[in-house]
Amino acid sequence: MRASSALERCIDGVQSGGIPISILASDIKEALNALDEIVGKTFTEDILGRIFSKFCIGK
């Protein structure tokens, strides 16, 4: 339930636009942590790196 809620917040944020990338990353980390409790340790930074390497993030 926690993972689903965090991912829904992330999706809503992406669809609405204007949400800082740090907030989206925080939601993804929260989802990964929740799933980690079920399936075991994941390498969060590696996964986030792969996800955000596909996006052009300007400063």
N, C-alpha and C. Protein backbone atom coordinates (compact mmCIF):
# COMPACT_ATOMS: atom_id res chain seq x y z
N MET A 1 0.83 -1.19 0.00
CA MET A 1 0.00 0.00 0.00
C MET A 1 0.87 1.26 0.00
N ARG A 2 1.96 1.24 0.80
CA ARG A 2 2.84 2.42 0.85
C ARG A 2 3.51 2.66 -0.49
N ALA A 3 3.96 1.58 -1.13
CA ALA A 3 4.62 1.72 -2.43
C ALA A 3 3.64 2.26 -3.46
N SER A 4 2.44 1.74 -3.46
CA SER A 4 1.43 2.18 -4.41
C SER A 4 1.10 3.65 -4.22
N SER A 5 0.93 4.07 -2.98
CA SER A 5 0.62 5.48 -2.69
C SER A 5 1.74 6.40 -3.15
N ALA A 6 2.98 6.00 -2.87
CA ALA A 6 4.13 6.82 -3.26
C ALA A 6 4.23 6.94 -4.78
N LEU A 7 3.99 5.83 -5.48
CA LEU A 7 4.06 5.87 -6.95
C LEU A 7 2.91 6.68 -7.54
N GLU A 8 1.74 6.60 -6.92
CA GLU A 8 0.62 7.41 -7.39
C GLU A 8 0.94 8.90 -7.23
N ARG A 9 1.56 9.28 -6.12
CA ARG A 9 1.94 10.68 -5.92
C ARG A 9 2.95 11.11 -6.99
N CYS A 10 3.88 10.24 -7.29
CA CYS A 10 4.89 10.54 -8.30
C CYS A 10 4.24 10.72 -9.68
N ILE A 11 3.37 9.80 -10.04
CA ILE A 11 2.68 9.89 -11.33
C ILE A 11 1.85 11.16 -11.41
N ASP A 12 1.12 11.45 -10.36
CA ASP A 12 0.31 12.68 -10.33
C ASP A 12 1.20 13.91 -10.49
N GLY A 13 2.35 13.89 -9.83
CA GLY A 13 3.28 15.01 -9.92
C GLY A 13 3.84 15.20 -11.32
N VAL A 14 4.16 14.09 -11.98
CA VAL A 14 4.68 14.17 -13.35
C VAL A 14 3.60 14.68 -14.29
N GLN A 15 2.38 14.17 -14.12
CA GLN A 15 1.29 14.57 -15.01
C GLN A 15 0.89 16.03 -14.82
N SER A 16 0.93 16.51 -13.58
CA SER A 16 0.53 17.90 -13.33
C SER A 16 1.63 18.88 -13.70
N GLY A 17 2.88 18.41 -13.70
CA GLY A 17 4.01 19.27 -14.05
C GLY A 17 4.34 20.25 -12.93
N GLY A 18 5.50 20.82 -13.01
CA GLY A 18 5.90 21.82 -12.04
C GLY A 18 6.33 21.29 -10.69
N ILE A 19 6.34 19.98 -10.51
CA ILE A 19 6.77 19.39 -9.25
C ILE A 19 8.30 19.25 -9.30
N PRO A 20 9.00 19.75 -8.29
CA PRO A 20 10.47 19.62 -8.30
C PRO A 20 10.91 18.16 -8.38
N ILE A 21 11.96 17.94 -9.11
CA ILE A 21 12.47 16.58 -9.32
C ILE A 21 12.86 15.94 -7.99
N SER A 22 13.26 16.74 -7.02
CA SER A 22 13.63 16.20 -5.71
C SER A 22 12.42 15.58 -5.01
N ILE A 23 11.24 16.15 -5.21
CA ILE A 23 10.02 15.59 -4.62
C ILE A 23 9.69 14.28 -5.31
N LEU A 24 9.79 14.25 -6.63
CA LEU A 24 9.51 13.02 -7.37
C LEU A 24 10.49 11.92 -6.96
N ALA A 25 11.75 12.28 -6.83
CA ALA A 25 12.76 11.29 -6.41
C ALA A 25 12.46 10.77 -5.01
N SER A 26 11.99 11.64 -4.15
CA SER A 26 11.65 11.23 -2.80
C SER A 26 10.50 10.22 -2.80
N ASP A 27 9.50 10.44 -3.65
CA ASP A 27 8.39 9.50 -3.76
C ASP A 27 8.87 8.15 -4.30
N ILE A 28 9.76 8.18 -5.28
CA ILE A 28 10.28 6.93 -5.83
C ILE A 28 11.10 6.19 -4.78
N LYS A 29 11.91 6.91 -4.03
CA LYS A 29 12.68 6.27 -2.95
C LYS A 29 11.77 5.65 -1.92
N GLU A 30 10.70 6.34 -1.57
CA GLU A 30 9.75 5.80 -0.60
C GLU A 30 9.12 4.51 -1.11
N ALA A 31 8.75 4.49 -2.39
CA ALA A 31 8.18 3.29 -2.98
C ALA A 31 9.19 2.14 -2.97
N LEU A 32 10.43 2.45 -3.33
CA LEU A 32 11.47 1.41 -3.33
C LEU A 32 11.73 0.87 -1.93
N ASN A 33 11.73 1.74 -0.95
CA ASN A 33 11.93 1.29 0.42
C ASN A 33 10.80 0.37 0.87
N ALA A 34 9.57 0.71 0.50
CA ALA A 34 8.43 -0.13 0.87
C ALA A 34 8.53 -1.50 0.20
N LEU A 35 8.91 -1.51 -1.07
CA LEU A 35 9.07 -2.78 -1.78
C LEU A 35 10.25 -3.58 -1.24
N ASP A 36 11.26 -2.87 -0.79
CA ASP A 36 12.45 -3.52 -0.23
C ASP A 36 12.08 -4.40 0.96
N GLU A 37 11.10 -3.98 1.72
CA GLU A 37 10.67 -4.78 2.86
C GLU A 37 10.09 -6.12 2.41
N ILE A 38 9.56 -6.17 1.21
CA ILE A 38 8.94 -7.39 0.70
C ILE A 38 9.95 -8.29 -0.01
N VAL A 39 10.75 -7.70 -0.90
CA VAL A 39 11.61 -8.51 -1.77
C VAL A 39 13.08 -8.50 -1.42
N GLY A 40 13.49 -7.68 -0.49
CA GLY A 40 14.90 -7.61 -0.12
C GLY A 40 15.55 -6.33 -0.59
N LYS A 41 16.81 -6.19 -0.26
CA LYS A 41 17.56 -4.96 -0.52
C LYS A 41 17.71 -4.67 -2.00
N THR A 42 17.45 -3.43 -2.38
CA THR A 42 17.70 -2.95 -3.74
C THR A 42 18.72 -1.84 -3.67
N PHE A 43 19.33 -1.55 -4.76
CA PHE A 43 20.31 -0.47 -4.84
C PHE A 43 19.59 0.76 -5.37
N THR A 44 19.00 1.51 -4.45
CA THR A 44 18.15 2.63 -4.78
C THR A 44 18.83 3.64 -5.68
N GLU A 45 20.04 4.02 -5.36
CA GLU A 45 20.73 5.03 -6.17
C GLU A 45 20.94 4.56 -7.61
N ASP A 46 21.25 3.28 -7.80
CA ASP A 46 21.41 2.74 -9.15
C ASP A 46 20.11 2.81 -9.93
N ILE A 47 19.01 2.45 -9.27
CA ILE A 47 17.71 2.46 -9.94
C ILE A 47 17.31 3.89 -10.28
N LEU A 48 17.45 4.80 -9.34
CA LEU A 48 17.12 6.20 -9.61
C LEU A 48 18.01 6.76 -10.72
N GLY A 49 19.27 6.39 -10.71
CA GLY A 49 20.18 6.84 -11.76
C GLY A 49 19.72 6.39 -13.14
N ARG A 50 19.28 5.14 -13.22
CA ARG A 50 18.78 4.63 -14.50
C ARG A 50 17.50 5.34 -14.93
N ILE A 51 16.60 5.57 -13.98
CA ILE A 51 15.33 6.24 -14.31
C ILE A 51 15.59 7.66 -14.79
N PHE A 52 16.37 8.42 -14.02
CA PHE A 52 16.54 9.84 -14.34
C PHE A 52 17.58 10.08 -15.44
N SER A 53 18.33 9.06 -15.84
CA SER A 53 19.24 9.24 -16.97
C SER A 53 18.48 9.38 -18.27
N LYS A 54 17.22 8.97 -18.27
CA LYS A 54 16.38 9.04 -19.46
C LYS A 54 15.71 10.40 -19.63
N PHE A 55 15.78 11.26 -18.60
CA PHE A 55 15.14 12.56 -18.62
C PHE A 55 16.20 13.66 -18.74
N CYS A 56 15.84 14.71 -19.46
CA CYS A 56 16.71 15.89 -19.53
C CYS A 56 16.33 16.79 -18.37
N ILE A 57 17.19 16.87 -17.39
CA ILE A 57 16.89 17.67 -16.19
C ILE A 57 17.79 18.90 -16.21
N GLY A 58 17.18 20.06 -16.41
CA GLY A 58 17.93 21.31 -16.45
C GLY A 58 18.04 21.92 -15.07
N LYS A 59 18.96 22.83 -14.93
CA LYS A 59 19.14 23.52 -13.64
C LYS A 59 18.62 24.93 -13.74
